[in-house]
PDB file of N, CA and C in Angstrom:
ATOM      1  N   MET A   1      33.997 107.089   8.925  1.00  0.00           N
ATOM      2  CA  MET A   1      34.910 105.510   9.028  1.00  0.00           C
ATOM      3  C   MET A   1      36.677 106.111   9.145  1.00  0.00           C
ATOM      4  N   ALA A   2      37.174 106.921   8.232  1.00  0.00           N
ATOM      5  CA  ALA A   2      38.324 107.438   8.396  1.00  0.00           C
ATOM      6  C   ALA A   2      38.619 108.488   9.204  1.00  0.00           C
ATOM      7  N   TRP A   3      39.723 108.614   9.776  1.00  0.00           N
ATOM      8  CA  TRP A   3      40.287 109.815  10.663  1.00  0.00           C
ATOM      9  C   TRP A   3      41.298 110.081  10.416  1.00  0.00           C
ATOM     10  N   LEU A   4      41.517 111.178  10.552  1.00  0.00           N
ATOM     11  CA  LEU A   4      43.307 111.908  10.241  1.00  0.00           C
ATOM     12  C   LEU A   4      43.676 112.804  11.275  1.00  0.00           C
ATOM     13  N   HIS A   5      44.231 112.614  12.792  1.00  0.00           N
ATOM     14  CA  HIS A   5      44.645 113.073  13.848  1.00  0.00           C
ATOM     15  C   HIS A   5      45.759 113.728  13.327  1.00  0.00           C
ATOM     16  N   ILE A   6      46.288 115.215  13.529  1.00  0.00           N
ATOM     17  CA  ILE A   6      47.223 115.719  13.373  1.00  0.00           C
ATOM     18  C   ILE A   6      47.944 116.362  14.847  1.00  0.00           C
ATOM     19  N   THR A   7      48.796 116.306  15.255  1.00  0.00           N
ATOM     20  CA  THR A   7      49.680 117.386  16.100  1.00  0.00           C
ATOM     21  C   THR A   7      50.670 117.984  15.611  1.00  0.00           C
ATOM     22  N   ALA A   8      50.431 119.488  15.879  1.00  0.00           N
ATOM     23  CA  ALA A   8      51.357 120.188  15.838  1.00  0.00           C
ATOM     24  C   ALA A   8      51.654 121.291  16.907  1.00  0.00           C
ATOM     25  N   PRO A   9      52.078 121.254  17.476  1.00  0.00           N
ATOM     26  CA  PRO A   9      52.506 121.820  19.202  1.00  0.00           C
ATOM     27  C   PRO A   9      53.334 123.142  18.181  1.00  0.00           C
ATOM     28  N   ARG A  10      53.052 124.204  18.716  1.00  0.00           N
ATOM     29  CA  ARG A  10      54.244 125.336  18.657  1.00  0.00           C
ATOM     30  C   ARG A  10      55.926 125.297  19.111  1.00  0.00           C
ATOM     31  N   GLY A  11      56.715 124.604  18.113  1.00  0.00           N
ATOM     32  CA  GLY A  11      58.227 124.613  18.103  1.00  0.00           C
ATOM     33  C   GLY A  11      58.243 122.721  18.247  1.00  0.00           C
ATOM     34  N   ALA A  12      57.407 122.033  17.739  1.00  0.00           N
ATOM     35  CA  ALA A  12      57.611 120.968  17.689  1.00  0.00           C
ATOM     36  C   ALA A  12      57.886 120.292  16.208  1.00  0.00           C
ATOM     37  N   VAL A  13      57.854 119.399  16.365  1.00  0.00           N
ATOM     38  CA  VAL A  13      57.888 118.327  15.393  1.00  0.00           C
ATOM     39  C   VAL A  13      56.644 117.943  14.784  1.00  0.00           C
ATOM     40  N   PRO A  14      55.558 118.386  13.620  1.00  0.00           N
ATOM     41  CA  PRO A  14      54.279 117.787  13.888  1.00  0.00           C
ATOM     42  C   PRO A  14      54.526 115.902  13.603  1.00  0.00           C
ATOM     43  N   THR A  15      53.046 115.948  14.070  1.00  0.00           N
ATOM     44  CA  THR A  15      53.015 114.651  13.562  1.00  0.00           C
ATOM     45  C   THR A  15      51.509 114.335  12.934  1.00  0.00           C
ATOM     46  N   ALA A  16      51.004 112.952  12.565  1.00  0.00           N
ATOM     47  CA  ALA A  16      49.571 113.236  12.061  1.00  0.00           C
ATOM     48  C   ALA A  16      49.396 110.977  11.669  1.00  0.00           C
ATOM     49  N   THR A  17      48.443 110.765  12.164  1.00  0.00           N
ATOM     50  CA  THR A  17      48.299 109.471  12.146  1.00  0.00           C
ATOM     51  C   THR A  17      47.129 109.431  10.947  1.00  0.00           C
ATOM     52  N   SER A  18      46.840 108.389  10.329  1.00  0.00           N
ATOM     53  CA  SER A  18      45.245 108.764   9.377  1.00  0.00           C
ATOM     54  C   SER A  18      44.863 107.252   9.439  1.00  0.00           C
ATOM     55  N   LYS A  19      43.730 106.593   9.867  1.00  0.00           N
ATOM     56  CA  LYS A  19      43.005 105.869  10.363  1.00  0.00           C
ATOM     57  C   LYS A  19      41.673 105.330   9.500  1.00  0.00           C
ATOM     58  N   CYS A  20      41.677 104.305   8.754  1.00  0.00           N
ATOM     59  CA  CYS A  20      40.273 103.988   8.920  1.00  0.00           C
ATOM     60  C   CYS A  20      39.763 102.753   8.755  1.00  0.00           C
ATOM     61  N   ALA A  21      38.299 102.577   8.378  1.00  0.00           N
ATOM     62  CA  ALA A  21      37.430 101.084   9.176  1.00  0.00           C
ATOM     63  C   ALA A  21      37.926  99.905   8.089  1.00  0.00           C
ATOM     64  N   CYS A  22      38.640 100.533   7.111  1.00  0.00           N
ATOM     65  CA  CYS A  22      39.459  99.708   6.213  1.00  0.00           C
ATOM     66  C   CYS A  22      40.044  98.788   6.466  1.00  0.00           C
ATOM     67  N   GLY A  23      41.219  99.473   7.286  1.00  0.00           N
ATOM     68  CA  GLY A  23      42.306  98.681   8.195  1.00  0.00           C
ATOM     69  C   GLY A  23      43.400  99.399   7.595  1.00  0.00           C
ATOM     70  N   ARG A  24      43.056 100.112   7.155  1.00  0.00           N
ATOM     71  CA  ARG A  24      44.632 101.781   6.614  1.00  0.00           C
ATOM     72  C   ARG A  24      45.060 101.946   8.594  1.00  0.00           C
ATOM     73  N   ASP A  25      46.183 102.606   7.887  1.00  0.00           N
ATOM     74  CA  ASP A  25      46.166 102.640   9.851  1.00  0.00           C
ATOM     75  C   ASP A  25      47.908 103.355   9.296  1.00  0.00           C
ATOM     76  N   ARG A  26      48.428 104.425   8.723  1.00  0.00           N
ATOM     77  CA  ARG A  26      49.859 104.988   8.707  1.00  0.00           C
ATOM     78  C   ARG A  26      50.499 106.385   9.583  1.00  0.00           C
ATOM     79  N   SER A  27      51.196 106.243   9.574  1.00  0.00           N
ATOM     80  CA  SER A  27      51.827 107.662  10.516  1.00  0.00           C
ATOM     81  C   SER A  27      53.036 108.326   9.918  1.00  0.00           C
ATOM     82  N   ALA A  28      52.712 109.976  10.297  1.00  0.00           N
ATOM     83  CA  ALA A  28      54.059 110.758   9.403  1.00  0.00           C
ATOM     84  C   ALA A  28      54.199 111.383  10.206  1.00  0.00           C
ATOM     85  N   VAL A  29      55.674 112.077  10.754  1.00  0.00           N
ATOM     86  CA  VAL A  29      56.722 113.402  11.775  1.00  0.00           C
ATOM     87  C   VAL A  29      57.807 113.781  10.940  1.00  0.00           C
ATOM     88  N   GLY A  30      57.306 114.979  11.290  1.00  0.00           N
ATOM     89  CA  GLY A  30      58.015 115.650  10.259  1.00  0.00           C
ATOM     90  C   GLY A  30      56.994 116.663   9.450  1.00  0.00           C
ATOM     91  N   HIS A  31      57.137 118.141   9.033  1.00  0.00           N
ATOM     92  CA  HIS A  31      56.449 118.679   8.046  1.00  0.00           C
ATOM     93  C   HIS A  31      55.819 118.084   6.739  1.00  0.00           C
ATOM     94  N   ARG A  32      56.692 118.174   5.626  1.00  0.00           N
ATOM     95  CA  ARG A  32      57.026 117.520   4.930  1.00  0.00           C
ATOM     96  C   ARG A  32      55.986 116.375   4.822  1.00  0.00           C
ATOM     97  N   ARG A  33      56.293 115.234   5.718  1.00  0.00           N
ATOM     98  CA  ARG A  33      55.648 114.059   5.849  1.00  0.00           C
ATOM     99  C   ARG A  33      54.333 114.410   6.136  1.00  0.00           C
ATOM    100  N   VAL A  34      54.299 114.564   6.976  1.00  0.00           N
ATOM    101  CA  VAL A  34      52.497 115.038   7.400  1.00  0.00           C
ATOM    102  C   VAL A  34      51.875 115.481   6.424  1.00  0.00           C
ATOM    103  N   VAL A  35      53.160 116.731   5.868  1.00  0.00           N
ATOM    104  CA  VAL A  35      51.452 116.852   4.352  1.00  0.00           C
ATOM    105  C   VAL A  35      51.196 115.719   3.367  1.00  0.00           C
ATOM    106  N   ASP A  36      52.270 114.967   3.378  1.00  0.00           N
ATOM    107  CA  ASP A  36      52.317 114.002   2.042  1.00  0.00           C
ATOM    108  C   ASP A  36      51.285 113.225   2.729  1.00  0.00           C
ATOM    109  N   LEU A  37      50.866 113.008   3.996  1.00  0.00           N
ATOM    110  CA  LEU A  37      49.896 112.532   4.554  1.00  0.00           C
ATOM    111  C   LEU A  37      48.537 112.788   4.672  1.00  0.00           C
ATOM    112  N   ILE A  38      48.413 114.004   4.338  1.00  0.00           N
ATOM    113  CA  ILE A  38      47.445 114.738   4.229  1.00  0.00           C
ATOM    114  C   ILE A  38      46.705 114.602   3.202  1.00  0.00           C
ATOM    115  N   ASP A  39      47.782 114.816   2.078  1.00  0.00           N
ATOM    116  CA  ASP A  39      46.965 114.275   0.913  1.00  0.00           C
ATOM    117  C   ASP A  39      47.049 112.796   0.130  1.00  0.00           C
ATOM    118  N   ASP A  40      47.686 112.042   1.013  1.00  0.00           N
ATOM    119  CA  ASP A  40      47.034 110.739   0.842  1.00  0.00           C
ATOM    120  C   ASP A  40      46.068 110.248   1.597  1.00  0.00           C
ATOM    121  N   HIS A  41      46.006 110.418   2.447  1.00  0.00           N
ATOM    122  CA  HIS A  41      44.472 110.254   3.382  1.00  0.00           C
ATOM    123  C   HIS A  41      43.351 110.859   2.480  1.00  0.00           C
ATOM    124  N   THR A  42      43.370 112.261   1.805  1.00  0.00           N
ATOM    125  CA  THR A  42      42.556 112.903   1.110  1.00  0.00           C
ATOM    126  C   THR A  42      41.885 112.324  -0.011  1.00  0.00           C
ATOM    127  N   ALA A  43      43.132 111.292  -1.082  1.00  0.00           N
ATOM    128  CA  ALA A  43      43.023 110.621  -1.828  1.00  0.00           C
ATOM    129  C   ALA A  43      42.094 109.060  -1.826  1.00  0.00           C
ATOM    130  N   HIS A  44      42.701 108.862  -0.663  1.00  0.00           N
ATOM    131  CA  HIS A  44      42.438 107.421   0.035  1.00  0.00           C
ATOM    132  C   HIS A  44      40.585 107.387   0.315  1.00  0.00           C
ATOM    133  N   ARG A  45      39.813 108.739   0.033  1.00  0.00           N
ATOM    134  CA  ARG A  45      38.541 109.132   0.217  1.00  0.00           C
ATOM    135  C   ARG A  45      37.968 107.986  -0.645  1.00  0.00           C
ATOM    136  N   ASP A  46      38.859 108.450  -1.727  1.00  0.00           N
ATOM    137  CA  ASP A  46      37.856 108.118  -3.468  1.00  0.00           C
ATOM    138  C   ASP A  46      38.496 106.730  -3.564  1.00  0.00           C
ATOM    139  N   THR A  47      39.156 105.850  -3.181  1.00  0.00           N
ATOM    140  CA  THR A  47      39.432 104.816  -3.301  1.00  0.00           C
ATOM    141  C   THR A  47      39.279 103.991  -2.301  1.00  0.00           C
ATOM    142  N   CYS A  48      39.248 104.020  -1.155  1.00  0.00           N
ATOM    143  CA  CYS A  48      38.660 103.807   0.341  1.00  0.00           C
ATOM    144  C   CYS A  48      37.246 101.698  -0.541  1.00  0.00           C
ATOM    145  N   PRO A  49      37.701 100.534  -0.401  1.00  0.00           N
ATOM    146  CA  PRO A  49      36.666  99.938  -0.213  1.00  0.00           C
ATOM    147  C   PRO A  49      35.459 100.202   0.575  1.00  0.00           C
ATOM    148  N   LEU A  50      35.535 100.447   1.318  1.00  0.00           N
ATOM    149  CA  LEU A  50      34.218 100.538   2.233  1.00  0.00           C
ATOM    150  C   LEU A  50      33.533 102.075   1.582  1.00  0.00           C
ATOM    151  N   ARG A  51      33.957 102.760   0.720  1.00  0.00           N
ATOM    152  CA  ARG A  51      33.399 103.998   0.565  1.00  0.00           C
ATOM    153  C   ARG A  51      32.750 103.634  -0.892  1.00  0.00           C
ATOM    154  N   THR A  52      33.470 103.280  -1.835  1.00  0.00           N
ATOM    155  CA  THR A  52      33.331 103.293  -3.038  1.00  0.00           C
ATOM    156  C   THR A  52      32.388 101.551  -3.480  1.00  0.00           C
ATOM    157  N   PRO A  53      31.823 101.374  -4.156  1.00  0.00           N
ATOM    158  CA  PRO A  53      30.521 100.576  -4.425  1.00  0.00           C
ATOM    159  C   PRO A  53      31.606  99.244  -5.021  1.00  0.00           C
ATOM    160  N   GLN A  54      31.166  98.329  -4.224  1.00  0.00           N
ATOM    161  CA  GLN A  54      31.860  96.793  -5.137  1.00  0.00           C
ATOM    162  C   GLN A  54      31.358  96.293  -6.021  1.00  0.00           C
ATOM    163  N   GLU A  55      32.295  95.694  -6.889  1.00  0.00           N
ATOM    164  CA  GLU A  55      31.873  95.152  -8.555  1.00  0.00           C
ATOM    165  C   GLU A  55      30.778  94.780  -8.598  1.00  0.00           C
ATOM    166  N   GLY A  56      29.843  94.171  -9.026  1.00  0.00           N
ATOM    167  CA  GLY A  56      29.057  92.947  -8.576  1.00  0.00           C
ATOM    168  C   GLY A  56      28.065  93.202  -7.332  1.00  0.00           C
ATOM    169  N   ARG A  57      28.144  94.278  -6.765  1.00  0.00           N
ATOM    170  CA  ARG A  57      27.161  94.338  -6.101  1.00  0.00           C
ATOM    171  C   ARG A  57      26.012  94.844  -6.141  1.00  0.00           C
ATOM    172  N   ALA A  58      24.334  94.023  -5.612  1.00  0.00           N
ATOM    173  CA  ALA A  58      23.355  94.101  -6.502  1.00  0.00           C
ATOM    174  C   ALA A  58      22.939  95.630  -5.532  1.00  0.00           C
ATOM    175  N   ALA A  59      21.973  96.861  -6.553  1.00  0.00           N
ATOM    176  CA  ALA A  59      21.617  97.583  -5.809  1.00  0.00           C
ATOM    177  C   ALA A  59      20.472  97.544  -5.178  1.00  0.00           C
ATOM    178  N   ALA A  60      20.419  98.068  -3.962  1.00  0.00           N
ATOM    179  CA  ALA A  60      19.592  98.660  -2.583  1.00  0.00           C
ATOM    180  C   ALA A  60      18.206  98.914  -3.864  1.00  0.00           C
TER     181      ALA A  60
END
């Protein structure tokens, strides 16, 4: 459901994109921002509305 794409060619500025089926679409350029996006992407896995049970939803 969620995709993290990182490009870090040798000698170039790294870039990353984080996309999710829930509509999330973020990007980052530069080492520090890419690292921050990786952390944010990982945290999103715990809070994504498509991965967490919805309140009031009946059990299967």
